[in-house]
C-alpha atoms as a PDB file:
ATOM      1  CA  PHE A   1      19.148 -14.860  -0.799  1.00  0.00           C
ATOM      2  CA  SER A   2      17.631 -15.478  -4.196  1.00  0.00           C
ATOM      3  CA  LEU A   3      16.089 -13.204  -6.812  1.00  0.00           C
ATOM      4  CA  ARG A   4      12.690 -14.491  -5.694  1.00  0.00           C
ATOM      5  CA  PHE A   5      13.321 -13.383  -2.142  1.00  0.00           C
ATOM      6  CA  PHE A   6      14.622  -9.984  -3.282  1.00  0.00           C
ATOM      7  CA  LEU A   7      11.402  -9.483  -5.269  1.00  0.00           C
ATOM      8  CA  ILE A   8       9.182 -10.405  -2.336  1.00  0.00           C
ATOM      9  CA  ALA A   9      11.236  -8.302   0.088  1.00  0.00           C
ATOM     10  CA  PHE A  10      10.952  -5.284  -2.204  1.00  0.00           C
ATOM     11  CA  THR A  11       7.197  -5.884  -2.529  1.00  0.00           C
ATOM     12  CA  TYR A  12       6.850  -6.004   1.263  1.00  0.00           C
ATOM     13  CA  SER A  13       8.959  -2.826   1.509  1.00  0.00           C
ATOM     14  CA  ALA A  14       6.653  -0.932  -0.826  1.00  0.00           C
ATOM     15  CA  ILE A  15       3.523  -2.042   1.039  1.00  0.00           C
ATOM     16  CA  ALA A  16       4.982  -1.096   4.425  1.00  0.00           C
ATOM     17  CA  PHE A  17       6.158   2.274   3.131  1.00  0.00           C
ATOM     18  CA  ILE A  18       2.665   3.012   1.781  1.00  0.00           C
ATOM     19  CA  MET A  19       0.858   1.748   4.847  1.00  0.00           C
ATOM     20  CA  THR A  20       2.738   3.777   7.422  1.00  0.00           C
ATOM     21  CA  GLY A  21       2.931   6.872   5.240  1.00  0.00           C
ATOM     22  CA  THR A  22      -0.843   6.770   4.943  1.00  0.00           C
ATOM     23  CA  VAL A  23      -1.555   5.845   8.574  1.00  0.00           C
ATOM     24  CA  VAL A  24       0.480   8.771   9.849  1.00  0.00           C
ATOM     25  CA  HIS A  25      -0.457  11.398   7.280  1.00  0.00           C
ATOM     26  CA  LEU A  26      -3.996  10.785   5.989  1.00  0.00           C
ATOM     27  CA  VAL A  27      -5.724  12.572   8.880  1.00  0.00           C
ATOM     28  CA  PRO A  28      -3.352  15.569   8.946  1.00  0.00           C
ATOM     29  CA  HIS A  29      -3.751  15.890   5.173  1.00  0.00           C
ATOM     30  CA  ALA A  30      -7.541  15.868   5.579  1.00  0.00           C
ATOM     31  CA  THR A  31      -7.446  18.542   8.297  1.00  0.00           C
ATOM     32  CA  ASP A  32      -5.079  20.637   6.159  1.00  0.00           C
ATOM     33  CA  GLN A  33      -7.733  20.481   3.438  1.00  0.00           C
ATOM     34  CA  GLY A  34     -10.417  21.884   5.735  1.00  0.00           C
ATOM     35  CA  PHE A  35     -12.047  18.718   7.022  1.00  0.00           C
ATOM     36  CA  THR A  36     -12.839  18.879  10.733  1.00  0.00           C
ATOM     37  CA  PRO A  37     -10.897  16.569  13.048  1.00  0.00           C
ATOM     38  CA  GLU A  38     -14.069  14.509  13.523  1.00  0.00           C
ATOM     39  CA  THR A  39     -14.639  14.180   9.780  1.00  0.00           C
ATOM     40  CA  SER A  40     -10.946  13.389   9.272  1.00  0.00           C
ATOM     41  CA  GLY A  41     -11.326  10.598  11.813  1.00  0.00           C
ATOM     42  CA  LEU A  42     -14.278   9.243   9.845  1.00  0.00           C
ATOM     43  CA  ILE A  43     -12.195   9.379   6.655  1.00  0.00           C
ATOM     44  CA  PHE A  44      -9.540   7.325   8.453  1.00  0.00           C
ATOM     45  CA  LEU A  45     -12.262   4.884   9.560  1.00  0.00           C
ATOM     46  CA  LEU A  46     -13.401   4.585   5.934  1.00  0.00           C
ATOM     47  CA  TRP A  47      -9.803   3.858   4.939  1.00  0.00           C
ATOM     48  CA  GLY A  48      -9.573   1.092   7.534  1.00  0.00           C
ATOM     49  CA  ILE A  49     -12.914  -0.439   6.571  1.00  0.00           C
ATOM     50  CA  CYS A  50     -11.775  -0.522   2.948  1.00  0.00           C
ATOM     51  CA  ILE A  51      -8.609  -2.360   3.999  1.00  0.00           C
ATOM     52  CA  ILE A  52     -10.852  -4.977   5.597  1.00  0.00           C
ATOM     53  CA  GLY A  53     -12.965  -5.133   2.437  1.00  0.00           C
ATOM     54  CA  GLY A  54      -9.850  -5.584   0.300  1.00  0.00           C
ATOM     55  CA  ASN A  55      -8.654  -8.313   2.638  1.00  0.00           C
ATOM     56  CA  LEU A  56     -11.985 -10.099   2.340  1.00  0.00           C
ATOM     57  CA  ILE A  57     -11.853 -10.153  -1.455  1.00  0.00           C
ATOM     58  CA  SER A  58      -8.106 -10.751  -1.777  1.00  0.00           C
ATOM     59  CA  GLY A  59      -8.779 -14.480  -2.029  1.00  0.00           C
ATOM     60  CA  VAL A  60      -9.607 -13.860  -5.691  1.00  0.00           C
ATOM     61  CA  SER A  61      -5.852 -14.165  -6.227  1.00  0.00           C
ATOM     62  CA  ASP A  62      -6.324 -17.928  -5.823  1.00  0.00           C
ATOM     63  CA  SER A  63      -8.474 -18.059  -8.957  1.00  0.00           C
ATOM     64  CA  LEU A  64      -7.477 -14.940 -10.927  1.00  0.00           C
ATOM     65  CA  GLY A  65      -3.789 -15.176 -10.149  1.00  0.00           C
ATOM     66  CA  ARG A  66      -1.409 -13.257  -7.931  1.00  0.00           C
ATOM     67  CA  ALA A  67      -0.105 -10.913 -10.654  1.00  0.00           C
ATOM     68  CA  PRO A  68      -3.505  -9.589 -11.821  1.00  0.00           C
ATOM     69  CA  THR A  69      -4.769  -9.241  -8.254  1.00  0.00           C
ATOM     70  CA  TYR A  70      -1.696  -7.326  -7.139  1.00  0.00           C
ATOM     71  CA  ALA A  71      -1.781  -5.190 -10.293  1.00  0.00           C
ATOM     72  CA  ALA A  72      -5.426  -4.276  -9.655  1.00  0.00           C
ATOM     73  CA  GLY A  73      -4.604  -3.261  -6.085  1.00  0.00           C
ATOM     74  CA  ALA A  74      -1.594  -1.253  -7.202  1.00  0.00           C
ATOM     75  CA  ALA A  75      -3.661   0.511  -9.882  1.00  0.00           C
ATOM     76  CA  MET A  76      -6.190   1.511  -7.231  1.00  0.00           C
ATOM     77  CA  GLY A  77      -3.331   2.715  -5.042  1.00  0.00           C
ATOM     78  CA  VAL A  78      -1.885   4.867  -7.813  1.00  0.00           C
ATOM     79  CA  CYS A  79      -5.304   6.422  -8.450  1.00  0.00           C
ATOM     80  CA  ALA A  80      -5.703   7.016  -4.706  1.00  0.00           C
ATOM     81  CA  GLY A  81      -2.300   8.654  -4.394  1.00  0.00           C
ATOM     82  CA  VAL A  82      -2.977  10.988  -7.316  1.00  0.00           C
ATOM     83  CA  LEU A  83      -6.464  11.899  -6.047  1.00  0.00           C
ATOM     84  CA  LEU A  84      -5.152  12.638  -2.570  1.00  0.00           C
ATOM     85  CA  ALA A  85      -2.074  14.478  -3.869  1.00  0.00           C
ATOM     86  CA  TYR A  86      -4.035  16.872  -6.047  1.00  0.00           C
ATOM     87  CA  PHE A  87      -6.977  17.377  -3.715  1.00  0.00           C
ATOM     88  CA  LYS A  88      -7.356  20.954  -2.529  1.00  0.00           C
ATOM     89  CA  GLN A  89     -10.081  22.980  -0.902  1.00  0.00           C
ATOM     90  CA  GLY A  90     -12.819  23.815  -3.367  1.00  0.00           C
ATOM     91  CA  ILE A  91     -12.775  20.390  -5.015  1.00  0.00           C
ATOM     92  CA  PRO A  92     -15.845  18.284  -4.136  1.00  0.00           C
ATOM     93  CA  PRO A  93     -15.078  16.625  -0.770  1.00  0.00           C
ATOM     94  CA  ALA A  94     -16.357  13.293  -2.105  1.00  0.00           C
ATOM     95  CA  LEU A  95     -13.114  12.966  -4.076  1.00  0.00           C
ATOM     96  CA  PHE A  96     -11.096  12.873  -0.852  1.00  0.00           C
ATOM     97  CA  TYR A  97     -13.368  10.087   0.412  1.00  0.00           C
ATOM     98  CA  VAL A  98     -12.881   8.217  -2.877  1.00  0.00           C
ATOM     99  CA  GLY A  99      -9.097   8.610  -2.545  1.00  0.00           C
ATOM    100  CA  ALA A 100      -9.158   7.254   1.001  1.00  0.00           C
ATOM    101  CA  ALA A 101     -11.411   4.347   0.005  1.00  0.00           C
ATOM    102  CA  LEU A 102      -9.226   3.438  -2.972  1.00  0.00           C
ATOM    103  CA  SER A 103      -6.109   3.650  -0.799  1.00  0.00           C
ATOM    104  CA  GLY A 104      -7.537   1.286   1.801  1.00  0.00           C
ATOM    105  CA  SER A 105      -8.878  -1.124  -0.816  1.00  0.00           C
ATOM    106  CA  ALA A 106      -5.486  -1.145  -2.540  1.00  0.00           C
ATOM    107  CA  LEU A 107      -3.663  -2.110   0.640  1.00  0.00           C
ATOM    108  CA  GLY A 108      -6.371  -4.651   1.416  1.00  0.00           C
ATOM    109  CA  LEU A 109      -5.681  -6.380  -1.891  1.00  0.00           C
ATOM    110  CA  THR A 110      -1.910  -6.059  -2.122  1.00  0.00           C
ATOM    111  CA  ARG A 111      -0.852  -7.038   1.404  1.00  0.00           C
ATOM    112  CA  PRO A 112      -2.527 -10.477   1.482  1.00  0.00           C
ATOM    113  CA  THR A 113      -1.496 -11.107  -2.113  1.00  0.00           C
ATOM    114  CA  ALA A 114       2.132 -10.461  -1.141  1.00  0.00           C
ATOM    115  CA  SER A 115       1.768 -12.997   1.679  1.00  0.00           C
ATOM    116  CA  ALA A 116       0.335 -15.507  -0.787  1.00  0.00           C
ATOM    117  CA  LEU A 117       3.296 -14.896  -3.101  1.00  0.00           C
ATOM    118  CA  LEU A 118       5.672 -15.568  -0.233  1.00  0.00           C
ATOM    119  CA  ALA A 119       3.889 -18.826   0.553  1.00  0.00           C
ATOM    120  CA  ASP A 120       3.744 -19.820  -3.132  1.00  0.00           C
ATOM    121  CA  HIS A 121       7.478 -19.426  -3.610  1.00  0.00           C
ATOM    122  CA  PHE A 122       8.883 -20.402  -0.224  1.00  0.00           C
ATOM    123  CA  ALA A 123       6.530 -22.979   1.323  1.00  0.00           C
ATOM    124  CA  GLY A 124       8.155 -25.804   3.202  1.00  0.00           C
ATOM    125  CA  PRO A 125      11.107 -26.031   5.571  1.00  0.00           C
ATOM    126  CA  GLY A 126      12.536 -22.645   6.450  1.00  0.00           C
ATOM    127  CA  PHE A 127       9.307 -20.766   5.680  1.00  0.00           C
ATOM    128  CA  GLY A 128       9.138 -19.350   9.199  1.00  0.00           C
ATOM    129  CA  ARG A 129      12.644 -17.893   8.913  1.00  0.00           C
ATOM    130  CA  LEU A 130      11.899 -16.358   5.513  1.00  0.00           C
ATOM    131  CA  ASN A 131       8.566 -14.981   6.700  1.00  0.00           C
ATOM    132  CA  GLY A 132      10.280 -13.456   9.736  1.00  0.00           C
ATOM    133  CA  THR A 133      12.924 -11.886   7.519  1.00  0.00           C
ATOM    134  CA  ALA A 134      10.254 -10.490   5.192  1.00  0.00           C
ATOM    135  CA  MET A 135       8.421  -9.009   8.168  1.00  0.00           C
ATOM    136  CA  MET A 136      11.663  -7.452   9.430  1.00  0.00           C
ATOM    137  CA  VAL A 137      12.046  -5.765   6.039  1.00  0.00           C
ATOM    138  CA  PHE A 138       8.400  -4.702   6.322  1.00  0.00           C
ATOM    139  CA  ALA A 139       9.054  -3.070   9.701  1.00  0.00           C
ATOM    140  CA  LEU A 140      12.182  -1.238   8.541  1.00  0.00           C
ATOM    141  CA  PHE A 141      10.557   0.217   5.457  1.00  0.00           C
ATOM    142  CA  GLY A 142       7.409   0.993   7.405  1.00  0.00           C
ATOM    143  CA  ALA A 143       9.439   3.329   9.573  1.00  0.00           C
ATOM    144  CA  LEU A 144      10.866   4.943   6.465  1.00  0.00           C
ATOM    145  CA  GLY A 145       7.408   5.534   4.942  1.00  0.00           C
ATOM    146  CA  ALA A 146       6.144   7.640   7.817  1.00  0.00           C
ATOM    147  CA  PHE A 147       9.410   9.577   7.979  1.00  0.00           C
ATOM    148  CA  ALA A 148       9.778  10.233   4.239  1.00  0.00           C
ATOM    149  CA  THR A 149       6.223  11.447   3.738  1.00  0.00           C
ATOM    150  CA  GLY A 150       6.542  13.708   6.777  1.00  0.00           C
ATOM    151  CA  TYR A 151       9.845  15.052   5.528  1.00  0.00           C
ATOM    152  CA  LEU A 152       8.325  15.862   2.150  1.00  0.00           C
ATOM    153  CA  TYR A 153       5.476  17.692   3.872  1.00  0.00           C
ATOM    154  CA  ASP A 154       7.894  19.647   6.062  1.00  0.00           C
ATOM    155  CA  PHE A 155      10.064  20.504   3.065  1.00  0.00           C
ATOM    156  CA  SER A 156       7.245  21.610   0.751  1.00  0.00           C
ATOM    157  CA  GLY A 157       4.446  22.642   3.120  1.00  0.00           C
ATOM    158  CA  SER A 158       2.075  20.397   1.159  1.00  0.00           C
ATOM    159  CA  TYR A 159       1.150  16.732   1.031  1.00  0.00           C
ATOM    160  CA  ARG A 160       1.214  16.688  -2.785  1.00  0.00           C
ATOM    161  CA  SER A 161       4.716  15.230  -3.175  1.00  0.00           C
ATOM    162  CA  ALA A 162       4.172  12.848  -0.247  1.00  0.00           C
ATOM    163  CA  PHE A 163       1.065  11.268  -1.751  1.00  0.00           C
ATOM    164  CA  LEU A 164       2.643  11.181  -5.205  1.00  0.00           C
ATOM    165  CA  LEU A 165       5.528   9.272  -3.619  1.00  0.00           C
ATOM    166  CA  LEU A 166       3.012   6.814  -2.150  1.00  0.00           C
ATOM    167  CA  ALA A 167       1.493   6.392  -5.632  1.00  0.00           C
ATOM    168  CA  ALA A 168       4.991   5.727  -7.008  1.00  0.00           C
ATOM    169  CA  ALA A 169       5.572   3.163  -4.247  1.00  0.00           C
ATOM    170  CA  HIS A 170       2.489   1.282  -5.472  1.00  0.00           C
ATOM    171  CA  LEU A 171       4.049   1.169  -8.939  1.00  0.00           C
ATOM    172  CA  ALA A 172       7.371   0.015  -7.492  1.00  0.00           C
ATOM    173  CA  GLY A 173       5.660  -2.756  -5.532  1.00  0.00           C
ATOM    174  CA  ALA A 174       3.838  -3.890  -8.663  1.00  0.00           C
ATOM    175  CA  ALA A 175       7.126  -3.865 -10.581  1.00  0.00           C
ATOM    176  CA  THR A 176       8.362  -6.661  -8.307  1.00  0.00           C
ATOM    177  CA  ALA A 177       5.134  -8.458  -7.334  1.00  0.00           C
ATOM    178  CA  VAL A 178       3.747  -8.882 -10.845  1.00  0.00           C
ATOM    179  CA  PRO A 179       6.868 -10.615 -12.256  1.00  0.00           C
ATOM    180  CA  LEU A 180       7.029 -12.800  -9.139  1.00  0.00           C
ATOM    181  CA  GLY A 181       3.352 -13.657  -9.603  1.00  0.00           C
ATOM    182  CA  ARG A 182       4.102 -14.770 -13.152  1.00  0.00           C
ATOM    183  CA  MET A 183       7.070 -16.946 -12.154  1.00  0.00           C
ATOM    184  CA  ARG A 184       6.367 -20.588 -11.695  1.00  0.00           C
ATOM    185  CA  PRO A 185       6.792 -21.457  -8.015  1.00  0.00           C
ATOM    186  CA  PRO A 186       9.551 -23.985  -7.340  1.00  0.00           C
ATOM    187  CA  ASP A 187       8.510 -27.623  -7.019  1.00  0.00           C
END
Protein backbone atom coordinates (compact mmCIF):
# COMPACT_ATOMS: atom_id res chain seq x y z
CA PHE A 1 0.00 0.00 0.00
CA SER A 2 1.17 3.49 -0.83
CA LEU A 3 1.20 6.75 1.10
CA ARG A 4 -1.76 7.85 -1.03
CA PHE A 5 -3.79 4.86 0.06
CA PHE A 6 -2.83 5.35 3.71
CA LEU A 7 -4.06 8.96 3.49
CA ILE A 8 -7.37 7.97 1.93
CA ALA A 9 -7.84 5.08 4.37
CA PHE A 10 -7.25 7.40 7.32
CA THR A 11 -9.69 9.92 5.83
CA TYR A 12 -12.34 7.20 5.47
CA SER A 13 -11.61 6.09 9.06
CA ALA A 14 -12.24 9.57 10.42
CA ILE A 15 -15.51 9.94 8.50
CA ALA A 16 -16.79 6.54 9.64
CA PHE A 17 -15.81 7.23 13.24
CA ILE A 18 -17.71 10.54 13.16
CA MET A 19 -20.72 9.15 11.36
CA THR A 20 -21.40 6.24 13.68
CA GLY A 21 -20.54 8.19 16.82
CA THR A 22 -23.13 10.76 15.81
CA VAL A 23 -25.76 8.29 14.59
CA VAL A 24 -25.69 6.41 17.87
CA HIS A 25 -25.32 9.30 20.29
CA LEU A 26 -26.99 12.43 18.88
CA VAL A 27 -30.50 11.50 20.06
CA PRO A 28 -29.42 10.35 23.55
CA HIS A 29 -27.39 13.55 23.92
CA ALA A 30 -30.45 15.60 22.95
CA THR A 31 -32.69 13.78 25.45
CA ASP A 32 -30.02 14.21 28.15
CA GLN A 33 -30.23 17.95 27.46
CA GLY A 34 -33.98 18.03 28.06
CA PHE A 35 -35.33 17.65 24.54
CA THR A 36 -38.31 15.31 24.35
CA PRO A 37 -37.84 12.02 22.49
CA GLU A 38 -40.05 13.38 19.70
CA THR A 39 -38.02 16.58 19.40
CA SER A 40 -34.79 14.56 19.56
CA GLY A 41 -36.09 12.49 16.66
CA LEU A 42 -36.74 15.68 14.70
CA ILE A 43 -33.19 16.86 15.48
CA PHE A 44 -31.93 13.56 14.06
CA LEU A 45 -34.12 14.10 10.99
CA LEU A 46 -32.60 17.57 10.57
CA TRP A 47 -29.14 16.00 10.79
CA GLY A 48 -30.03 13.50 8.06
CA ILE A 49 -31.56 16.14 5.79
CA CYS A 50 -28.40 18.21 6.14
CA ILE A 51 -26.32 15.20 5.10
CA ILE A 52 -28.44 15.04 1.94
CA GLY A 53 -27.96 18.77 1.41
CA GLY A 54 -24.20 18.42 1.82
CA ASN A 55 -24.21 15.53 -0.63
CA LEU A 56 -26.11 17.61 -3.16
CA ILE A 57 -23.59 20.45 -3.02
CA SER A 58 -20.48 18.28 -2.67
CA GLY A 59 -20.01 18.43 -6.44
CA VAL A 60 -18.43 21.85 -5.89
CA SER A 61 -15.24 19.88 -5.24
CA ASP A 62 -15.04 19.39 -9.02
CA SER A 63 -14.61 23.13 -9.54
CA LEU A 64 -13.29 24.42 -6.20
CA GLY A 65 -11.00 21.49 -5.55
CA ARG A 66 -11.06 18.53 -3.20
CA ALA A 67 -8.87 20.11 -0.50
CA PRO A 68 -10.93 23.30 0.00
CA THR A 69 -14.21 21.38 -0.12
CA TYR A 70 -13.05 18.85 2.44
CA ALA A 71 -11.57 21.60 4.62
CA ALA A 72 -14.87 23.50 4.58
CA GLY A 73 -16.75 20.36 5.62
CA ALA A 74 -14.24 19.59 8.35
CA ALA A 75 -14.45 23.17 9.66
CA MET A 76 -18.22 22.83 9.90
CA GLY A 77 -17.75 19.51 11.68
CA VAL A 78 -15.38 21.01 14.23
CA CYS A 79 -17.85 23.83 14.93
CA ALA A 80 -20.65 21.27 15.25
CA GLY A 81 -18.68 19.11 17.66
CA VAL A 82 -17.83 22.08 19.87
CA LEU A 83 -21.41 23.39 19.85
CA LEU A 84 -22.81 19.98 20.74
CA ALA A 85 -20.10 19.29 23.33
CA TYR A 86 -20.68 22.50 25.26
CA PHE A 87 -24.45 22.60 24.93
CA LYS A 88 -26.26 22.37 28.25
CA GLN A 89 -29.75 23.07 29.48
CA GLY A 90 -30.39 26.79 29.72
CA ILE A 91 -28.58 27.60 26.48
CA PRO A 92 -30.96 28.57 23.65
CA PRO A 93 -32.17 25.29 22.09
CA ALA A 94 -31.56 26.70 18.61
CA LEU A 95 -27.83 26.16 19.17
CA PHE A 96 -28.36 22.40 19.44
CA TYR A 97 -30.25 22.49 16.13
CA VAL A 98 -27.40 24.49 14.58
CA GLY A 99 -24.89 21.92 15.87
CA ALA A 100 -26.89 19.06 14.40
CA ALA A 101 -27.30 20.87 11.07
CA LEU A 102 -23.60 21.68 10.85
CA SER A 103 -22.71 18.09 11.73
CA GLY A 104 -24.91 16.68 8.98
CA SER A 105 -23.73 19.23 6.43
CA ALA A 106 -20.11 18.44 7.31
CA LEU A 107 -20.57 14.73 6.69
CA GLY A 108 -22.53 15.50 3.53
CA LEU A 109 -19.54 17.41 2.16
CA THR A 110 -16.67 15.27 3.41
CA ARG A 111 -17.92 11.77 2.58
CA PRO A 112 -18.47 12.32 -1.17
CA THR A 113 -15.28 14.37 -1.38
CA ALA A 114 -13.35 11.44 0.10
CA SER A 115 -14.87 9.17 -2.56
CA ALA A 116 -13.82 11.65 -5.24
CA LEU A 117 -10.29 11.67 -3.83
CA LEU A 118 -10.20 7.89 -4.02
CA ALA A 119 -11.32 7.99 -7.64
CA ASP A 120 -8.88 10.79 -8.49
CA HIS A 121 -5.89 8.88 -7.17
CA PHE A 122 -6.79 5.27 -7.91
CA ALA A 123 -8.96 5.22 -11.05
CA GLY A 124 -8.34 2.41 -13.46
CA PRO A 125 -7.61 -1.29 -13.06
CA GLY A 126 -7.84 -2.44 -9.46
CA PHE A 127 -10.15 0.41 -8.40
CA GLY A 128 -12.81 -2.02 -7.22
CA ARG A 129 -10.34 -3.81 -4.93
CA LEU A 130 -9.07 -0.53 -3.49
CA ASN A 131 -12.59 0.81 -3.02
CA GLY A 132 -13.57 -2.41 -1.25
CA THR A 133 -10.54 -2.16 1.01
CA ALA A 134 -11.34 1.48 1.80
CA MET A 135 -14.91 0.52 2.66
CA MET A 136 -13.64 -2.29 4.92
CA VAL A 137 -11.57 0.30 6.78
CA PHE A 138 -14.68 2.49 6.91
CA ALA A 139 -16.69 -0.32 8.51
CA LEU A 140 -14.03 -1.15 11.10
CA PHE A 141 -13.59 2.43 12.24
CA GLY A 142 -17.33 2.99 12.13
CA ALA A 143 -17.70 0.34 14.81
CA LEU A 144 -15.02 2.05 16.85
CA GLY A 145 -16.74 5.46 16.63
CA ALA A 146 -19.96 4.30 18.25
CA PHE A 147 -18.05 2.38 20.92
CA ALA A 148 -15.55 5.11 21.80
CA THR A 149 -18.13 7.87 22.12
CA GLY A 150 -20.31 5.61 24.26
CA TYR A 151 -17.35 4.68 26.43
CA LEU A 152 -16.51 8.34 26.98
CA TYR A 153 -20.11 9.02 27.98
CA ASP A 154 -20.13 6.06 30.38
CA PHE A 155 -16.80 7.13 31.86
CA SER A 156 -17.65 10.81 32.34
CA GLY A 157 -21.46 10.86 32.55
CA SER A 158 -21.49 13.57 29.88
CA TYR A 159 -21.30 13.79 26.10
CA ARG A 160 -18.82 16.68 26.24
CA SER A 161 -15.66 14.61 25.70
CA ALA A 162 -17.42 12.40 23.14
CA PHE A 163 -18.42 15.30 20.91
CA LEU A 164 -15.04 16.97 21.35
CA LEU A 165 -13.50 13.70 20.15
CA LEU A 166 -15.77 13.83 17.09
CA ALA A 167 -14.59 17.41 16.45
CA ALA A 168 -10.98 16.21 16.72
CA ALA A 169 -11.75 13.39 14.27
CA HIS A 170 -12.86 16.03 11.74
CA LEU A 171 -9.47 17.71 12.15
CA ALA A 172 -7.68 14.38 11.79
CA GLY A 173 -9.60 13.59 8.61
CA ALA A 174 -8.72 17.00 7.19
CA ALA A 175 -5.06 16.43 8.10
CA THR A 176 -4.99 13.55 5.60
CA ALA A 177 -7.62 14.59 3.03
CA VAL A 178 -6.32 18.11 2.42
CA PRO A 179 -2.74 17.03 1.57
CA LEU A 180 -4.13 14.25 -0.64
CA GLY A 181 -6.38 16.80 -2.35
CA ARG A 182 -3.33 18.93 -3.10
CA MET A 183 -1.29 16.03 -4.52
CA ARG A 184 -1.32 15.66 -8.23
CA PRO A 185 -3.16 12.45 -9.12
CA PRO A 186 -1.00 9.89 -10.92
CA ASP A 187 -1.19 9.84 -14.72
